[in-house]
Protein backbone atom coordinates (compact mmCIF):
# COMPACT_ATOMS: atom_id res chain seq x y z
CA UNK A 1 -17.63 -10.32 -12.37
CA UNK A 2 -15.56 -7.51 -10.98
CA UNK A 3 -14.05 -4.44 -12.63
CA UNK A 4 -10.30 -3.87 -12.38
CA UNK A 5 -8.24 -0.92 -13.57
CA UNK A 6 -4.60 -0.88 -14.47
CA UNK A 7 -1.97 0.69 -16.62
CA UNK A 8 1.66 1.21 -17.37
CA UNK A 9 4.23 2.60 -14.93
CA UNK A 10 4.10 6.26 -16.06
CA UNK A 11 0.29 6.37 -16.24
CA UNK A 12 0.04 7.24 -19.93
CA UNK A 13 -1.74 3.96 -20.74
CA UNK A 14 -4.79 3.13 -18.63
CA UNK A 15 -7.25 0.28 -19.14
CA UNK A 16 -10.17 -1.44 -17.44
CA UNK A 17 -11.28 -5.06 -17.49
CA UNK A 18 -14.41 -6.76 -16.25
CA UNK A 19 -13.74 -10.38 -15.33
CA UNK A 20 -13.67 -13.16 -12.78
CA UNK A 21 -9.98 -13.01 -11.96
CA UNK A 22 -9.29 -16.48 -10.61
CA UNK A 23 -6.72 -17.81 -13.11
CA UNK A 24 -3.64 -16.51 -14.87
CA UNK A 25 -1.06 -18.02 -17.16
CA UNK A 26 2.70 -17.79 -16.95
CA UNK A 27 4.40 -18.51 -20.25
CA UNK A 28 8.05 -19.50 -20.70
CA UNK A 29 8.46 -18.36 -24.31
CA UNK A 30 11.32 -16.00 -25.10
CA UNK A 31 9.31 -12.75 -24.92
CA UNK A 32 7.04 -13.59 -21.98
CA UNK A 33 10.01 -14.72 -19.89
CA UNK A 34 11.81 -11.46 -20.54
CA UNK A 35 8.85 -9.17 -19.89
CA UNK A 36 7.65 -11.10 -16.81
CA UNK A 37 3.97 -10.97 -17.69
CA UNK A 38 1.20 -12.93 -15.99
CA UNK A 39 -1.55 -13.30 -18.57
CA UNK A 40 -5.31 -13.20 -18.07
CA UNK A 41 -7.51 -13.32 -21.16
CA UNK A 42 -10.62 -11.23 -21.64
CA UNK A 43 -12.91 -10.75 -24.62
CA UNK A 44 -13.03 -7.38 -26.40
CA UNK A 45 -16.30 -6.51 -24.66
CA UNK A 46 -14.58 -7.01 -21.27
CA UNK A 47 -11.67 -4.69 -22.13
CA UNK A 48 -11.70 -0.90 -22.32
CA UNK A 49 -8.71 1.29 -23.14
CA UNK A 50 -9.32 4.38 -21.01
CA UNK A 51 -6.36 6.46 -22.17
CA UNK A 52 -3.03 6.27 -23.92
CA UNK A 53 -3.79 4.97 -27.40
CA UNK A 54 -1.25 7.45 -28.75
CA UNK A 55 1.42 6.14 -26.34
CA UNK A 56 1.09 2.48 -27.34
CA UNK A 57 3.80 0.89 -29.45
CA UNK A 58 3.31 -2.44 -31.22
CA UNK A 59 5.91 -5.20 -31.30
CA UNK A 60 5.45 -8.34 -33.42
CA UNK A 61 7.80 -11.21 -34.18
CA UNK A 62 7.78 -14.58 -35.88
CA UNK A 63 4.32 -15.33 -37.26
CA UNK A 64 3.18 -11.70 -36.68
CA UNK A 65 -0.10 -13.04 -35.24
CA UNK A 66 0.50 -11.83 -31.69
CA UNK A 67 0.41 -8.12 -30.96
CA UNK A 68 2.53 -7.11 -27.98
CA UNK A 69 1.59 -3.59 -26.84
CA UNK A 70 4.07 -1.46 -24.90
CA UNK A 71 3.97 2.07 -23.54
CA UNK A 72 6.34 4.14 -25.65
CA UNK A 73 7.10 6.38 -22.66
CA UNK A 74 7.97 3.89 -19.87
CA UNK A 75 8.30 0.61 -21.79
CA UNK A 76 5.83 -1.39 -19.70
CA UNK A 77 3.76 -4.14 -21.37
CA UNK A 78 0.16 -3.83 -20.12
CA UNK A 79 -1.60 -6.15 -22.61
CA UNK A 80 -1.38 -8.07 -25.86
CA UNK A 81 -3.47 -9.86 -28.43
CA UNK A 82 -2.10 -13.42 -28.17
CA UNK A 83 -1.00 -15.61 -31.05
CA UNK A 84 -3.43 -18.41 -30.11
CA UNK A 85 -6.43 -16.04 -30.02
CA UNK A 86 -5.61 -12.65 -31.58
CA UNK A 87 -9.21 -11.47 -31.22
CA UNK A 88 -8.99 -11.35 -27.39
CA UNK A 89 -6.88 -9.34 -24.97
CA UNK A 90 -4.30 -10.92 -22.73
CA UNK A 91 -3.87 -8.50 -19.86
CA UNK A 92 -0.66 -8.47 -17.85
CA UNK A 93 -2.29 -8.69 -14.43
CA UNK A 94 0.89 -7.38 -12.83
CA UNK A 95 -0.21 -4.04 -14.32
CA UNK A 96 -3.49 -4.00 -12.35
CA UNK A 97 -3.75 -1.25 -9.74
CA UNK A 98 -4.65 -3.74 -7.02
CA UNK A 99 -2.55 -6.69 -8.21
CA UNK A 100 -1.01 -7.41 -4.79
CA UNK A 101 -4.46 -7.50 -3.19
CA UNK A 102 -5.88 -10.08 -5.64
CA UNK A 103 -2.67 -12.05 -6.33
CA UNK A 104 -3.01 -14.55 -3.45
CA UNK A 105 -6.39 -15.68 -4.84
CA UNK A 106 -5.21 -16.32 -8.40
CA UNK A 107 -4.28 -19.78 -9.65
CA UNK A 108 -1.22 -19.40 -11.88
CA UNK A 109 -0.85 -22.10 -14.49
CA UNK A 110 2.28 -22.66 -16.55
CA UNK A 111 2.21 -22.71 -20.35
CA UNK A 112 5.20 -24.20 -22.18
CA UNK A 113 5.49 -21.44 -24.75
CA UNK A 114 9.06 -22.40 -25.56
CA UNK A 115 7.45 -25.48 -27.20
CA UNK A 116 4.41 -23.54 -28.41
CA UNK A 117 3.20 -25.82 -31.23
CA UNK A 118 3.06 -28.89 -28.96
CA UNK A 119 1.76 -27.07 -25.88
CA UNK A 120 -1.12 -25.24 -27.58
CA UNK A 121 -2.73 -28.55 -28.53
CA UNK A 122 -3.45 -29.54 -24.94
CA UNK A 123 -3.50 -26.30 -22.90
CA UNK A 124 -6.86 -24.85 -21.81
CA UNK A 125 -6.78 -21.12 -21.13
């Protein structure tokens, strides 16, 4: 496993993950499409919020199971707690400091979030 650091655009929110970053998920649901996130899940013990707790703003919709975290200063979405597994972190890997270095080595899989109930039954994260 490797350690990666990332954060929002203005630098208020900083985080660190420890993971094997080989796969990511692109979701076509209404919020993921609009925010342009590429998701990579990590367990709570693989995620560390370094700074910016006070700058995080929570957005929830629909079932209120997912927690979408945004920087209240610059509006960037660095991570969430996903609806399908609210106990884990789904990091927006486009917020990693070295995203463009690791991006060519990441397999991006599509998740049909616009048909969430049907898609979740067969998708393996």
